[in-house]
Amino acid sequence: MGKVVLDVSMSLDGFAAGPNVREAEPMGDGGERLHAWMAEQGPRGEIDAAVRREVDAAVGATVIGRRTFDLGLGPWGGTPWPGVPSFVVTHRARQNLVGDNGGTFAFDGLHAAVRRAKQAAGHRDVLVLGADVARQLLRANLLDEVRIHLIPLLLGAGTPLFAGEQAELIPEGKPVTGTVTHLRFRVAPGPGRLS
């Protein structure tokens, strides 16, 4: 079975989105700059492209925070992976729906969403979308791996990726540097976590 993976772009000062996240700017003011590396531009863009292909090839399902879903579905039409099943963590139930890109969205609590996503993903990975749900997964010992695309940018404010959580992260391989630095960590087993 695949892993539950947080794969996220983060500013050097620790933000996963810019300040003033809202419907008109789902990534906050200046937050879209966190994803500029995906455009494969710059002198080492081919390295970034290879990292992105690896992520895309591994995804089998997603777990999404409710706020990320609410703000992102309109402008994005679904997840970046057409047809991939997605499970939205929420206490507000609603009917399943199909995004513009063919991905199905189901709504459930944290543990049930992860269980269903892992079943849907099979041997592939479950990618986590949203800083808040990532923190919930970390606290619940449900996160297996953290992949950070470290952006040489200081946003100064925004949505912090982590906010007081504690965990031991074990490096997996060497950092890979393209136009940004790509880091990969395994989450060490915590109290109550099965390795």
Protein backbone atom coordinates (compact mmCIF):
# COMPACT_ATOMS: atom_id res chain seq x y z
CA MET A 1 0.00 0.00 0.00
CA GLY A 2 1.22 3.52 -0.75
CA LYS A 3 2.18 6.21 1.69
CA VAL A 4 0.33 9.29 2.94
CA VAL A 5 2.55 12.12 1.72
CA LEU A 6 2.55 15.85 2.27
CA ASP A 7 4.10 17.24 -0.93
CA VAL A 8 4.16 21.03 -0.61
CA SER A 9 5.93 24.17 -1.72
CA MET A 10 7.06 26.32 1.21
CA SER A 11 8.71 29.71 1.44
CA LEU A 12 12.05 29.96 3.20
CA ASP A 13 10.25 31.54 6.17
CA GLY A 14 7.87 28.60 6.50
CA PHE A 15 4.65 29.63 4.73
CA ALA A 16 2.58 27.38 2.44
CA ALA A 17 0.41 30.30 1.25
CA GLY A 18 0.70 34.06 1.28
CA PRO A 19 -1.28 36.40 3.54
CA ASN A 20 -4.96 37.22 2.93
CA VAL A 21 -6.09 33.86 1.57
CA ARG A 22 -9.52 34.43 0.05
CA GLU A 23 -11.71 33.36 -2.84
CA ALA A 24 -10.13 35.81 -5.27
CA GLU A 25 -6.60 34.70 -4.21
CA PRO A 26 -6.75 31.07 -2.97
CA MET A 27 -2.98 31.05 -2.44
CA GLY A 28 -3.01 34.46 -0.72
CA ASP A 29 -1.15 37.58 -1.77
CA GLY A 30 2.00 36.46 -3.59
CA GLY A 31 1.35 32.80 -2.81
CA GLU A 32 1.23 31.66 -6.43
CA ARG A 33 4.96 32.41 -6.56
CA LEU A 34 5.43 29.27 -4.44
CA HIS A 35 4.45 27.19 -7.46
CA ALA A 36 6.50 29.03 -10.11
CA TRP A 37 9.13 26.25 -10.03
CA MET A 38 6.61 23.94 -11.72
CA ALA A 39 6.86 26.02 -14.90
CA GLU A 40 10.29 24.44 -15.54
CA GLN A 41 11.95 27.77 -16.23
CA GLY A 42 15.42 28.85 -15.26
CA PRO A 43 18.85 27.32 -15.71
CA ARG A 44 18.01 24.20 -13.67
CA GLY A 45 14.35 23.86 -14.59
CA GLU A 46 14.86 20.36 -15.99
CA ILE A 47 15.63 19.14 -12.45
CA ASP A 48 12.38 20.64 -11.17
CA ALA A 49 10.51 19.03 -14.08
CA ALA A 50 11.91 15.61 -13.14
CA VAL A 51 10.81 16.07 -9.53
CA ARG A 52 7.33 17.08 -10.68
CA ARG A 53 7.07 14.04 -12.98
CA GLU A 54 8.00 11.78 -10.07
CA VAL A 55 5.26 13.29 -7.89
CA ASP A 56 2.67 13.06 -10.67
CA ALA A 57 3.54 9.42 -11.39
CA ALA A 58 3.15 8.39 -7.74
CA VAL A 59 -0.23 9.96 -6.89
CA GLY A 60 -3.17 7.58 -6.56
CA ALA A 61 -5.55 9.66 -4.43
CA THR A 62 -5.61 12.88 -2.42
CA VAL A 63 -6.77 13.98 1.02
CA ILE A 64 -7.84 17.61 1.00
CA GLY A 65 -8.68 20.06 3.75
CA ARG A 66 -12.18 21.53 3.55
CA ARG A 67 -10.95 25.12 3.25
CA THR A 68 -8.54 24.16 0.46
CA PHE A 69 -11.42 22.44 -1.33
CA ASP A 70 -13.81 25.38 -0.84
CA LEU A 71 -11.29 27.96 -2.09
CA GLY A 72 -9.66 25.88 -4.80
CA LEU A 73 -12.40 23.99 -6.59
CA GLY A 74 -13.68 27.01 -8.53
CA PRO A 75 -10.42 28.33 -9.95
CA TRP A 76 -8.73 24.95 -10.31
CA GLY A 77 -11.71 22.81 -11.36
CA GLY A 78 -10.34 19.88 -9.37
CA THR A 79 -6.95 18.65 -8.27
CA PRO A 80 -3.82 18.90 -10.44
CA TRP A 81 -4.30 15.20 -11.26
CA PRO A 82 -7.30 14.64 -13.57
CA GLY A 83 -9.48 11.70 -12.62
CA VAL A 84 -7.76 11.06 -9.28
CA PRO A 85 -10.19 10.34 -6.42
CA SER A 86 -10.08 12.93 -3.64
CA PHE A 87 -11.31 12.78 -0.07
CA VAL A 88 -12.20 16.06 1.63
CA VAL A 89 -11.79 16.12 5.41
CA THR A 90 -14.84 17.81 6.90
CA HIS A 91 -17.54 17.67 9.54
CA ARG A 92 -20.01 19.18 7.05
CA ALA A 93 -21.39 16.30 5.01
CA ARG A 94 -22.50 16.77 1.43
CA GLN A 95 -23.05 14.67 -1.67
CA ASN A 96 -20.01 13.46 -3.60
CA LEU A 97 -19.26 15.45 -6.72
CA VAL A 98 -17.16 15.23 -9.85
CA GLY A 99 -14.74 18.08 -10.53
CA ASP A 100 -14.32 19.66 -13.95
CA ASN A 101 -11.26 17.48 -14.58
CA GLY A 102 -13.04 14.21 -13.80
CA GLY A 103 -11.82 13.65 -10.24
CA THR A 104 -14.44 12.51 -7.73
CA PHE A 105 -14.63 14.32 -4.40
CA ALA A 106 -15.96 12.43 -1.35
CA PHE A 107 -16.50 14.01 2.06
CA ASP A 108 -15.62 12.36 5.37
CA GLY A 109 -13.85 12.68 8.73
CA LEU A 110 -10.06 12.55 9.04
CA HIS A 111 -9.51 8.85 9.75
CA ALA A 112 -12.19 7.67 7.33
CA ALA A 113 -10.89 9.95 4.57
CA VAL A 114 -7.37 8.57 4.94
CA ARG A 115 -8.60 4.97 5.04
CA ARG A 116 -10.73 5.47 1.91
CA ALA A 117 -7.94 7.35 0.11
CA LYS A 118 -5.44 4.58 0.82
CA GLN A 119 -7.87 1.99 -0.50
CA ALA A 120 -8.48 4.04 -3.65
CA ALA A 121 -4.74 4.68 -4.19
CA GLY A 122 -3.76 1.02 -3.91
CA HIS A 123 0.04 0.81 -4.20
CA ARG A 124 0.34 4.48 -5.15
CA ASP A 125 0.63 7.46 -2.77
CA VAL A 126 -2.05 9.56 -1.13
CA LEU A 127 -1.07 13.22 -1.46
CA VAL A 128 -2.20 15.76 1.13
CA LEU A 129 -3.48 19.18 0.04
CA GLY A 130 -3.83 21.88 2.69
CA ALA A 131 -1.63 22.98 5.61
CA ASP A 132 -4.34 22.55 8.25
CA VAL A 133 -5.23 19.00 7.26
CA ALA A 134 -1.50 18.19 7.05
CA ARG A 135 -1.09 19.32 10.67
CA GLN A 136 -4.11 17.22 11.69
CA LEU A 137 -2.60 14.16 9.98
CA LEU A 138 0.75 14.72 11.67
CA ARG A 139 -0.90 15.01 15.11
CA ALA A 140 -2.95 11.85 14.44
CA ASN A 141 0.17 9.88 13.38
CA LEU A 142 -1.30 9.37 9.90
CA LEU A 143 1.38 11.14 7.86
CA ASP A 144 4.17 8.92 6.48
CA GLU A 145 6.32 11.32 4.50
CA VAL A 146 6.96 15.04 4.04
CA ARG A 147 8.31 16.38 0.74
CA ILE A 148 9.10 20.07 0.80
CA HIS A 149 9.92 22.18 -2.23
CA LEU A 150 11.80 24.99 -0.47
CA ILE A 151 11.34 28.27 -2.33
CA PRO A 152 13.99 31.01 -2.00
CA LEU A 153 11.35 33.57 -1.10
CA LEU A 154 10.40 35.35 2.12
CA LEU A 155 6.65 35.94 2.20
CA GLY A 156 6.78 37.61 5.62
CA ALA A 157 3.31 36.36 6.54
CA GLY A 158 0.71 33.85 5.44
CA THR A 159 -0.34 30.32 6.27
CA PRO A 160 2.40 28.57 8.24
CA LEU A 161 3.04 25.02 7.13
CA PHE A 162 3.53 23.89 10.72
CA ALA A 163 2.26 25.65 13.81
CA GLY A 164 3.66 24.07 16.96
CA GLU A 165 3.52 20.42 15.92
CA GLN A 166 6.40 18.22 16.98
CA ALA A 167 7.79 15.26 15.06
CA GLU A 168 11.10 13.76 14.11
CA LEU A 169 11.69 13.88 10.37
CA ILE A 170 14.28 11.50 8.97
CA PRO A 171 15.95 12.57 5.71
CA GLU A 172 15.24 10.30 2.75
CA GLY A 173 17.99 10.72 0.19
CA LYS A 174 19.95 13.85 -0.54
CA PRO A 175 18.40 17.24 -1.26
CA VAL A 176 17.87 17.89 -4.97
CA THR A 177 18.40 21.44 -6.17
CA GLY A 178 16.86 22.88 -9.30
CA THR A 179 15.52 26.43 -9.23
CA VAL A 180 14.33 25.46 -5.71
CA THR A 181 15.52 22.86 -3.20
CA HIS A 182 13.53 19.62 -3.01
CA LEU A 183 13.68 17.85 0.37
CA ARG A 184 12.22 14.51 1.37
CA PHE A 185 11.67 13.18 4.91
CA ARG A 186 10.13 10.12 6.50
CA VAL A 187 8.03 10.86 9.59
CA ALA A 188 9.48 8.88 12.50
CA PRO A 189 7.02 6.73 14.44
CA GLY A 190 5.49 8.68 17.30
CA PRO A 191 3.51 7.54 20.34
CA GLY A 192 0.69 5.32 19.15
CA ARG A 193 2.04 5.17 15.58
CA LEU A 194 2.70 1.88 13.87
CA SER A 195 5.86 1.84 11.79
